[in-house]
């Protein structure tokens, strides 16, 4: 038998998984075990949830009496530091399994009765906004127990960030964390990536194309929610590659009222056939904006860049073009003049490279900003793979960042230079008329004459110095 068919021995094997229950139990045990073994990773997951920076202990399938029977939450996490102890129950779902309201409410009751601090849920469901929970529960049960949700993609991102970028002090622990990453990245682990736009995707897509979608349609709410979740997943995926945290760019109102964000997207989709979102990337020249136009089957990514504050208009255009030397010629550039409204002057990069003046409208008006945009085809399928909407959005975001945004730097004015004494004299000669020949009161008798200097009478109208 050829060696290429042999399976390498893994600390957390994917072979032998039979059924959803086994998949869920193995994923739970692997994650919780590595959280307690790798201190930095356990701290990275628990500290944002309110746990102290202490020793992490983990358990699986802990039995609790509930009513006349027993319930077995998938796991329990306890973090201790000194006299302080933080405890959370854990409920895990893998594959396409979704969290159930009744089950979560039972676990919230157990946590309250036991004096625990939180209930943590882990599944492949990705809420549109971080901090939001995908399952609706009775808010009265959250008075004493906090409810948190971690998508598997966020858990994987935290593991990659810790191992590859933040670091693990112990080499053996780093290897253990790497084994968890390999396990979660395997398709059989059940820790799936974003892979479905939902059963109503086709009907909404067709309604948008026909112009019959209405804001009151229930299916529209599901699709815009999945679009926001897809953009958030794209940020997590890109963040794993860049080693930084990328989050959706939302207004304060959208963060405070997620329902308002959803309603605005529904209205936009029904009116224009498009959905918009944005990602905030640390250190980038601007936010990465995404527009998914279902009516035109196009995905457009763009970034707005402030123009230099000095130089001629064509000089400012050339400043931008030089930074886009590796960008595709199909990238669209648009310039906006100061105090102007409406669209600016737009042209493709290939044309601007040959003639920068095409982006200059009125030479007398100052160019204040540019927009760099790239458009690609949008897939129509609800799943993943060739021709899918999900992959077309992910490819558009990754490609635009790699070809455009990562090469753009904000304009900075040149620092002033020190001038030598000779340069100052040559550049600014002093006129003879400005050289004073008047004798100061501090001057003494002229050398060699023995005469006192002549004292001039004070000018009339000025106050006299009292003697």
Protein backbone atom coordinates (compact mmCIF):
# COMPACT_ATOMS: atom_id res chain seq x y z
CA UNK A 1 0.00 0.00 0.00
CA UNK A 2 1.36 3.46 -0.93
CA UNK A 3 2.36 5.69 1.94
CA UNK A 4 0.34 8.61 0.59
CA UNK A 5 -2.80 6.79 1.75
CA UNK A 6 -1.59 6.52 5.34
CA UNK A 7 -3.21 8.77 7.92
CA UNK A 8 -0.81 10.69 10.17
CA UNK A 9 -1.33 10.21 13.89
CA UNK A 10 -2.95 13.29 15.39
CA UNK A 11 -3.47 14.35 18.97
CA UNK A 12 -7.12 15.07 18.07
CA UNK A 13 -8.04 12.67 15.22
CA UNK A 14 -10.90 13.28 12.83
CA UNK A 15 -11.19 9.60 11.92
CA UNK A 16 -13.80 7.52 13.66
CA UNK A 17 -16.43 10.26 13.97
CA UNK A 18 -19.81 8.54 13.67
CA UNK A 19 -22.82 10.81 13.79
CA UNK A 20 -23.55 14.29 15.07
CA UNK A 21 -23.39 13.33 18.76
CA UNK A 22 -19.86 11.95 18.46
CA UNK A 23 -18.81 14.98 16.41
CA UNK A 24 -20.20 17.36 19.02
CA UNK A 25 -18.69 15.49 21.98
CA UNK A 26 -15.23 15.32 20.38
CA UNK A 27 -15.22 18.99 19.40
CA UNK A 28 -16.29 20.03 22.91
CA UNK A 29 -13.70 17.88 24.64
CA UNK A 30 -10.89 18.97 22.30
CA UNK A 31 -11.65 22.67 22.69
CA UNK A 32 -12.05 22.66 26.47
CA UNK A 33 -8.97 20.49 27.00
CA UNK A 34 -6.78 22.84 24.95
CA UNK A 35 -8.23 25.87 26.78
CA UNK A 36 -7.00 24.46 30.09
CA UNK A 37 -3.68 23.20 28.67
CA UNK A 38 -2.67 26.33 26.76
CA UNK A 39 -2.87 29.19 29.22
CA UNK A 40 -2.68 32.00 26.67
CA UNK A 41 -5.47 30.52 24.54
CA UNK A 42 -7.76 29.89 27.49
CA UNK A 43 -7.23 33.44 28.66
CA UNK A 44 -7.86 34.86 25.17
CA UNK A 45 -11.31 33.23 25.08
CA UNK A 46 -12.45 33.80 28.67
CA UNK A 47 -11.16 37.27 29.56
CA UNK A 48 -13.41 39.12 27.06
CA UNK A 49 -16.34 37.36 28.75
CA UNK A 50 -15.50 38.73 32.18
CA UNK A 51 -13.32 35.98 33.62
CA UNK A 52 -10.22 36.89 35.66
CA UNK A 53 -6.72 36.12 34.41
CA UNK A 54 -6.31 32.94 36.39
CA UNK A 55 -6.12 29.16 36.19
CA UNK A 56 -8.59 27.62 33.73
CA UNK A 57 -10.27 24.32 34.63
CA UNK A 58 -12.63 22.58 32.20
CA UNK A 59 -15.10 19.69 32.45
CA UNK A 60 -17.48 17.97 30.02
CA UNK A 61 -21.03 16.67 30.45
CA UNK A 62 -21.40 17.75 34.07
CA UNK A 63 -24.74 16.43 35.51
CA UNK A 64 -27.16 18.82 37.23
CA UNK A 65 -30.48 18.12 38.87
CA UNK A 66 -33.30 19.96 37.10
CA UNK A 67 -36.82 19.36 38.28
CA UNK A 68 -37.38 15.61 38.52
CA UNK A 69 -34.58 14.70 36.13
CA UNK A 70 -31.00 15.52 35.25
CA UNK A 71 -29.53 17.69 32.53
CA UNK A 72 -26.04 17.41 31.10
CA UNK A 73 -24.60 20.63 29.65
CA UNK A 74 -21.82 19.90 27.16
CA UNK A 75 -19.18 21.54 29.33
CA UNK A 76 -18.21 23.74 32.23
CA UNK A 77 -15.38 26.28 32.53
CA UNK A 78 -14.04 27.52 35.86
CA UNK A 79 -11.43 30.27 36.14
CA UNK A 80 -9.88 30.94 39.55
CA UNK A 81 -7.59 33.71 40.75
CA UNK A 82 -7.07 34.14 44.46
CA UNK A 83 -10.43 34.22 46.16
CA UNK A 84 -12.30 35.04 42.97
CA UNK A 85 -13.97 32.27 40.97
CA UNK A 86 -15.76 32.63 37.60
CA UNK A 87 -17.83 29.72 36.29
CA UNK A 88 -19.69 29.25 33.00
CA UNK A 89 -21.72 26.44 31.49
CA UNK A 90 -21.02 25.56 27.86
CA UNK A 91 -23.44 24.37 25.16
CA UNK A 92 -21.94 23.26 21.83
CA UNK A 93 -23.45 22.54 18.42
CA UNK A 94 -21.57 21.35 15.34
CA UNK A 95 -22.44 21.06 11.68
CA UNK A 96 -25.80 22.58 10.77
CA UNK A 97 -27.35 21.95 14.20
CA UNK A 98 -28.85 25.08 15.73
CA UNK A 99 -29.19 26.16 19.34
CA UNK A 100 -32.59 25.57 20.93
CA UNK A 101 -34.35 28.20 23.04
CA UNK A 102 -35.85 25.75 25.55
CA UNK A 103 -32.53 24.02 26.19
CA UNK A 104 -30.69 27.31 26.71
CA UNK A 105 -33.33 28.56 29.14
CA UNK A 106 -33.00 25.36 31.19
CA UNK A 107 -29.23 25.88 31.40
CA UNK A 108 -29.72 29.51 32.37
CA UNK A 109 -31.93 28.33 35.24
CA UNK A 110 -29.24 25.86 36.37
CA UNK A 111 -26.54 28.53 36.20
CA UNK A 112 -28.66 30.89 38.29
CA UNK A 113 -29.44 28.25 40.91
CA UNK A 114 -25.76 27.25 41.14
CA UNK A 115 -24.56 30.84 41.35
CA UNK A 116 -22.62 30.57 38.08
CA UNK A 117 -21.71 33.65 36.09
CA UNK A 118 -22.47 32.81 32.46
CA UNK A 119 -23.68 30.43 29.78
CA UNK A 120 -21.48 30.19 26.69
CA UNK A 121 -22.86 28.79 23.44
CA UNK A 122 -20.68 27.65 20.52
CA UNK A 123 -22.08 26.82 17.09
CA UNK A 124 -21.72 27.61 13.40
CA UNK A 125 -24.40 30.30 13.65
CA UNK A 126 -22.83 33.73 13.10
CA UNK A 127 -24.83 36.71 14.42
CA UNK A 128 -24.73 39.77 12.14
CA UNK A 129 -23.25 41.87 14.96
CA UNK A 130 -20.65 40.79 17.51
CA UNK A 131 -22.18 40.48 20.98
CA UNK A 132 -25.58 39.60 19.60
CA UNK A 133 -26.95 36.11 20.30
CA UNK A 134 -28.47 34.06 17.47
CA UNK A 135 -31.15 32.52 19.72
CA UNK A 136 -33.93 34.46 21.41
CA UNK A 137 -34.40 33.67 25.10
CA UNK A 138 -36.50 35.11 27.92
CA UNK A 139 -34.65 38.28 28.99
CA UNK A 140 -35.79 37.80 32.59
CA UNK A 141 -33.45 34.81 32.78
CA UNK A 142 -30.48 37.07 31.99
CA UNK A 143 -30.74 39.22 35.11
CA UNK A 144 -28.17 37.22 37.07
CA UNK A 145 -26.53 35.09 34.35
CA UNK A 146 -24.81 36.44 31.24
CA UNK A 147 -25.32 34.75 27.86
CA UNK A 148 -22.45 34.73 25.35
CA UNK A 149 -22.08 33.23 21.89
CA UNK A 150 -18.89 32.19 20.08
CA UNK A 151 -19.13 31.06 16.44
CA UNK A 152 -16.72 28.26 15.59
CA UNK A 153 -15.08 30.57 13.05
CA UNK A 154 -14.33 33.04 15.86
CA UNK A 155 -12.86 30.26 18.01
CA UNK A 156 -10.64 29.19 15.11
CA UNK A 157 -9.60 32.79 14.52
CA UNK A 158 -8.65 33.20 18.19
CA UNK A 159 -6.56 30.02 18.04
CA UNK A 160 -4.70 31.10 14.89
CA UNK A 161 -4.12 34.62 16.21
CA UNK A 162 -2.69 33.29 19.47
CA UNK A 163 -0.37 30.73 17.88
CA UNK A 164 0.85 32.62 14.82
CA UNK A 165 0.87 36.25 15.94
CA UNK A 166 0.61 36.73 19.70
CA UNK A 167 2.64 33.66 20.56
CA UNK A 168 2.62 30.83 23.09
CA UNK A 169 5.48 30.73 25.60
CA UNK A 170 5.78 26.95 25.88
CA UNK A 171 6.72 25.14 22.61
CA UNK A 172 4.80 22.02 23.59
CA UNK A 173 1.69 24.04 24.31
CA UNK A 174 2.09 25.79 20.96
CA UNK A 175 2.14 22.37 19.28
CA UNK A 176 -1.02 21.35 21.15
CA UNK A 177 -2.77 24.52 19.99
CA UNK A 178 -1.66 23.77 16.44
CA UNK A 179 -3.30 20.34 16.68
CA UNK A 180 -6.58 21.99 17.69
CA UNK A 181 -6.33 24.32 14.69
CA UNK A 182 -5.77 21.37 12.34
CA UNK A 183 -8.75 19.60 13.84
CA UNK A 184 -11.12 22.57 13.56
CA UNK A 185 -10.04 23.21 9.96
CA UNK A 186 -10.93 19.63 8.95
CA UNK A 187 -14.38 19.29 7.30
CA UNK A 188 -15.29 16.32 9.51
CA UNK A 189 -14.81 18.30 12.73
CA UNK A 190 -18.19 19.97 12.31
CA UNK A 191 -16.67 23.42 12.82
CA UNK A 192 -17.86 24.60 9.44
CA UNK A 193 -17.20 27.93 7.82
CA UNK A 194 -20.02 30.11 6.50
CA UNK A 195 -21.51 27.85 3.84
CA UNK A 196 -25.18 28.67 3.20
CA UNK A 197 -27.23 31.77 2.42
CA UNK A 198 -30.36 30.00 3.65
CA UNK A 199 -33.35 28.23 2.08
CA UNK A 200 -34.99 31.52 1.05
CA UNK A 201 -31.98 32.82 -0.89
CA UNK A 202 -33.21 31.73 -4.34
CA UNK A 203 -36.69 33.20 -3.92
CA UNK A 204 -35.33 36.55 -2.68
CA UNK A 205 -32.70 36.66 -5.44
CA UNK A 206 -35.34 36.05 -8.10
CA UNK A 207 -37.74 38.58 -6.56
CA UNK A 208 -35.02 41.24 -6.57
CA UNK A 209 -34.25 40.52 -10.22
CA UNK A 210 -37.93 40.79 -11.12
CA UNK A 211 -38.41 43.93 -9.03
CA UNK A 212 -41.17 42.35 -6.95
CA UNK A 213 -39.48 42.21 -3.54
CA UNK A 214 -41.18 44.27 -0.87
CA UNK A 215 -39.80 45.50 2.45
CA UNK A 216 -42.57 43.63 4.29
CA UNK A 217 -41.51 40.24 2.89
CA UNK A 218 -40.36 37.99 5.75
CA UNK A 219 -37.72 36.35 3.59
CA UNK A 220 -35.90 39.66 3.10
CA UNK A 221 -35.11 39.89 6.82
CA UNK A 222 -33.46 36.46 6.80
CA UNK A 223 -31.30 37.24 3.74
CA UNK A 224 -30.01 40.62 4.97
CA UNK A 225 -29.16 39.00 8.30
CA UNK A 226 -27.15 36.32 6.53
CA UNK A 227 -25.44 38.94 4.39
CA UNK A 228 -24.27 40.80 7.51
CA UNK A 229 -23.15 37.46 8.99
CA UNK A 230 -21.23 36.71 5.77
CA UNK A 231 -19.41 40.05 5.93
CA UNK A 232 -18.52 39.44 9.58
CA UNK A 233 -17.22 35.99 8.66
CA UNK A 234 -15.17 37.55 5.85
CA UNK A 235 -13.61 39.88 8.43
CA UNK A 236 -12.72 36.94 10.70
CA UNK A 237 -11.24 35.04 7.76
CA UNK A 238 -9.18 38.01 6.55
CA UNK A 239 -8.12 38.76 10.13
CA UNK A 240 -6.63 35.26 10.46
CA UNK A 241 -4.41 35.99 7.46
CA UNK A 242 -3.40 39.47 8.61
CA UNK A 243 -3.01 38.74 12.30
CA UNK A 244 -5.33 41.50 13.40
CA UNK A 245 -8.93 41.97 14.51
CA UNK A 246 -11.23 43.09 11.71
CA UNK A 247 -14.77 44.09 12.64
CA UNK A 248 -17.79 45.41 10.73
CA UNK A 249 -17.83 49.20 10.50
CA UNK A 250 -21.14 50.12 12.15
CA UNK A 251 -22.54 53.37 13.44
CA UNK A 252 -23.30 53.87 17.13
CA UNK A 253 -26.99 53.53 16.45
CA UNK A 254 -26.51 50.27 14.54
CA UNK A 255 -24.47 48.85 17.42
CA UNK A 256 -27.07 49.93 19.97
CA UNK A 257 -30.07 48.93 17.82
CA UNK A 258 -29.30 45.94 15.56
CA UNK A 259 -32.93 45.88 14.45
CA UNK A 260 -32.51 49.35 12.93
CA UNK A 261 -29.55 48.11 10.87
CA UNK A 262 -31.61 45.15 9.65
CA UNK A 263 -34.57 47.34 8.71
CA UNK A 264 -32.37 49.77 6.78
CA UNK A 265 -30.86 46.90 4.79
CA UNK A 266 -34.31 45.48 4.01
CA UNK A 267 -35.49 48.87 2.75
CA UNK A 268 -32.34 49.27 0.65
CA UNK A 269 -32.66 45.78 -0.84
CA UNK A 270 -36.31 46.29 -1.78
CA UNK A 271 -35.70 49.74 -3.29
CA UNK A 272 -32.38 49.26 -5.10
CA UNK A 273 -31.74 45.53 -5.16
CA UNK A 274 -28.44 46.03 -3.30
CA UNK A 275 -27.04 45.44 0.18
CA UNK A 276 -24.10 47.36 1.65
CA UNK A 277 -21.68 46.72 4.49
CA UNK A 278 -18.16 47.73 5.53
CA UNK A 279 -15.14 46.35 7.38
CA UNK A 280 -12.79 48.35 9.60
CA UNK A 281 -9.19 47.15 9.18
CA UNK A 282 -6.59 48.47 11.66
CA UNK A 283 -3.96 50.60 9.93
CA UNK A 284 -5.80 50.74 6.60
CA UNK A 285 -6.21 54.04 4.77
CA UNK A 286 -10.00 53.74 5.10
CA UNK A 287 -12.85 51.29 5.66
CA UNK A 288 -13.43 48.58 3.07
CA UNK A 289 -16.98 49.05 1.79
CA UNK A 290 -18.89 46.24 0.08
CA UNK A 291 -21.96 46.57 -2.15
CA UNK A 292 -23.75 43.42 -3.30
CA UNK A 293 -26.06 44.33 -6.19
CA UNK A 294 -28.36 41.35 -6.71
CA UNK A 295 -30.21 43.02 -9.57
CA UNK A 296 -27.03 43.55 -11.59
CA UNK A 297 -25.26 40.45 -10.19
CA UNK A 298 -22.22 42.53 -9.23
CA UNK A 299 -20.01 42.82 -6.15
CA UNK A 300 -18.29 46.19 -5.71
CA UNK A 301 -15.62 46.94 -3.12
CA UNK A 302 -14.37 50.48 -2.61
CA UNK A 303 -12.28 52.61 -0.27
CA UNK A 304 -12.26 56.40 0.12
CA UNK A 305 -8.87 58.11 0.35
CA UNK A 306 -8.12 61.70 1.38
CA UNK A 307 -6.16 63.56 -1.31
CA UNK A 308 -2.91 65.43 -0.55
CA UNK A 309 -3.44 68.94 0.76
CA UNK A 310 -0.82 70.53 -1.45
CA UNK A 311 0.32 70.39 -5.07
CA UNK A 312 -1.45 70.80 -8.40
CA UNK A 313 -4.51 68.63 -9.20
CA UNK A 314 -2.56 66.34 -11.54
CA UNK A 315 0.16 65.97 -8.89
CA UNK A 316 -2.45 64.71 -6.44
CA UNK A 317 -3.79 62.24 -9.00
CA UNK A 318 -0.29 60.94 -9.74
CA UNK A 319 0.28 60.47 -5.99
CA UNK A 320 -2.61 57.99 -5.96
CA UNK A 321 -1.72 56.28 -9.24
CA UNK A 322 1.84 55.57 -8.11
CA UNK A 323 0.50 53.58 -5.18
CA UNK A 324 -1.71 51.48 -7.48
CA UNK A 325 1.07 50.13 -9.66
CA UNK A 326 0.09 46.52 -8.85
CA UNK A 327 -3.69 47.06 -9.09
CA UNK A 328 -5.69 45.71 -12.07
CA UNK A 329 -6.31 48.17 -14.90
CA UNK A 330 -10.06 47.65 -14.45
CA UNK A 331 -10.03 49.42 -11.07
CA UNK A 332 -12.18 52.56 -11.17
CA UNK A 333 -10.92 55.88 -9.79
CA UNK A 334 -13.13 58.80 -8.87
CA UNK A 335 -12.09 62.27 -7.69
CA UNK A 336 -14.15 64.69 -5.62
CA UNK A 337 -13.55 68.44 -5.51
CA UNK A 338 -13.97 70.60 -2.45
CA UNK A 339 -17.47 71.98 -1.79
CA UNK A 340 -18.96 69.92 -4.64
CA UNK A 341 -22.03 67.73 -4.57
CA UNK A 342 -22.94 64.67 -6.54
CA UNK A 343 -20.62 62.29 -8.40
CA UNK A 344 -17.09 63.29 -9.22
CA UNK A 345 -14.91 62.63 -12.26
CA UNK A 346 -14.48 58.88 -12.79
CA UNK A 347 -12.29 56.81 -15.10
CA UNK A 348 -10.59 53.41 -15.20
CA UNK A 349 -7.04 53.09 -13.89
CA UNK A 350 -5.63 52.23 -17.34
CA UNK A 351 -6.81 55.58 -18.69
CA UNK A 352 -5.70 57.59 -15.67
CA UNK A 353 -2.20 56.13 -15.91
CA UNK A 354 -1.89 57.56 -19.43
CA UNK A 355 -3.65 60.86 -18.74
CA UNK A 356 -4.00 61.91 -15.09
CA UNK A 357 -5.85 65.07 -16.17
CA UNK A 358 -9.03 63.07 -16.89
CA UNK A 359 -9.76 63.09 -13.15
CA UNK A 360 -9.40 66.87 -12.98
CA UNK A 361 -12.65 68.68 -13.63
CA UNK A 362 -12.23 72.37 -12.84
CA UNK A 363 -8.49 73.09 -12.41
CA UNK A 364 -9.41 75.95 -10.10
CA UNK A 365 -11.14 73.65 -7.61
CA UNK A 366 -9.13 71.67 -5.12
CA UNK A 367 -9.35 67.84 -5.18
CA UNK A 368 -10.14 66.74 -1.65
CA UNK A 369 -10.65 62.96 -1.90
CA UNK A 370 -10.57 59.91 -4.14
CA UNK A 371 -12.59 56.71 -4.34
CA UNK A 372 -10.94 53.49 -5.52
CA UNK A 373 -13.40 50.76 -6.52
CA UNK A 374 -13.30 47.28 -8.07
CA UNK A 375 -16.31 45.39 -9.45
CA UNK A 376 -16.63 41.65 -10.01
CA UNK A 377 -19.39 39.20 -10.87
CA UNK A 378 -21.67 37.94 -8.11
CA UNK A 379 -22.51 34.25 -7.95
CA UNK A 380 -26.10 33.13 -7.69
CA UNK A 381 -25.89 29.83 -5.81
CA UNK A 382 -26.84 29.71 -2.13
CA UNK A 383 -24.00 27.42 -1.01
CA UNK A 384 -20.26 27.46 -1.55
CA UNK A 385 -18.08 26.57 -4.52
CA UNK A 386 -17.89 27.78 -8.07
CA UNK A 387 -20.68 30.19 -8.98
CA UNK A 388 -21.80 30.73 -5.38
CA UNK A 389 -22.69 34.11 -3.90
CA UNK A 390 -20.68 33.40 -0.74
CA UNK A 391 -17.42 32.67 -2.53
CA UNK A 392 -17.84 35.65 -4.87
CA UNK A 393 -18.12 37.99 -1.87
CA UNK A 394 -15.17 36.41 -0.04
CA UNK A 395 -12.98 36.51 -3.17
CA UNK A 396 -13.93 40.13 -3.87
CA UNK A 397 -13.01 41.26 -0.35
CA UNK A 398 -9.72 39.34 -0.20
CA UNK A 399 -8.72 40.42 -3.70
CA UNK A 400 -9.51 44.09 -3.16
CA UNK A 401 -7.54 44.21 0.06
CA UNK A 402 -4.54 42.42 -1.45
CA UNK A 403 -4.44 44.39 -4.72
CA UNK A 404 -5.51 47.82 -3.51
CA UNK A 405 -5.90 48.64 0.18
CA UNK A 406 -2.71 47.10 1.54
CA UNK A 407 -0.69 49.23 -0.91
CA UNK A 408 -2.34 52.55 -0.05
CA UNK A 409 -0.83 54.91 2.51
CA UNK A 410 -2.34 58.20 3.72
CA UNK A 411 -0.71 61.40 2.55
CA UNK A 412 1.63 63.11 4.99
CA UNK A 413 3.10 66.59 4.49
CA UNK A 414 6.88 66.77 4.24
CA UNK A 415 8.46 67.96 7.52
CA UNK A 416 10.07 71.43 7.46
CA UNK A 417 13.85 71.46 6.98
CA UNK A 418 16.39 73.37 9.02
CA UNK A 419 18.28 76.07 7.11
CA UNK A 420 21.87 77.07 7.69
CA UNK A 421 22.84 80.64 8.64
CA UNK A 422 24.27 81.22 5.15
CA UNK A 423 20.99 80.14 3.52
CA UNK A 424 19.00 82.47 5.75
CA UNK A 425 21.21 85.47 4.83
CA UNK A 426 21.12 84.69 1.12
CA UNK A 427 17.40 84.02 1.09
CA UNK A 428 16.37 87.00 3.23
CA UNK A 429 18.77 89.96 2.89
CA UNK A 430 18.03 92.80 5.30
CA UNK A 431 17.19 96.14 3.71
CA UNK A 432 19.35 99.15 4.75
CA UNK A 433 16.19 101.02 5.63
CA UNK A 434 15.47 98.45 8.32
CA UNK A 435 18.90 98.74 9.95
CA UNK A 436 18.60 101.06 12.96
CA UNK A 437 21.36 103.69 13.42
CA UNK A 438 19.75 105.27 16.45
CA UNK A 439 21.86 105.28 19.62
CA UNK A 440 20.42 103.15 22.37
CA UNK A 441 20.25 104.32 25.96
CA UNK A 442 22.39 101.30 26.72
CA UNK A 443 25.20 102.56 24.49
CA UNK A 444 28.19 104.20 26.18
CA UNK A 445 30.30 107.13 25.00
CA UNK A 446 31.72 106.67 21.58
CA UNK A 447 35.08 105.08 21.76
CA UNK A 448 38.01 107.55 21.48
CA UNK A 449 35.88 110.75 21.36
CA UNK A 450 35.06 111.36 25.00
CA UNK A 451 31.79 112.95 23.88
CA UNK A 452 28.37 112.14 25.19
CA UNK A 453 25.83 110.99 22.62
CA UNK A 454 23.20 113.50 21.63
CA UNK A 455 19.92 112.94 23.43
CA UNK A 456 16.93 113.41 21.19
CA UNK A 457 13.77 115.01 22.50
CA UNK A 458 10.88 112.64 22.99
CA UNK A 459 8.29 112.58 20.29
CA UNK A 460 5.32 114.79 20.97
CA UNK A 461 2.25 112.96 22.17
CA UNK A 462 4.05 109.93 23.64
CA UNK A 463 4.14 109.48 27.44
CA UNK A 464 7.32 110.72 29.15
CA UNK A 465 9.47 108.56 31.40
CA UNK A 466 9.39 109.93 34.94
CA UNK A 467 12.74 110.94 36.49
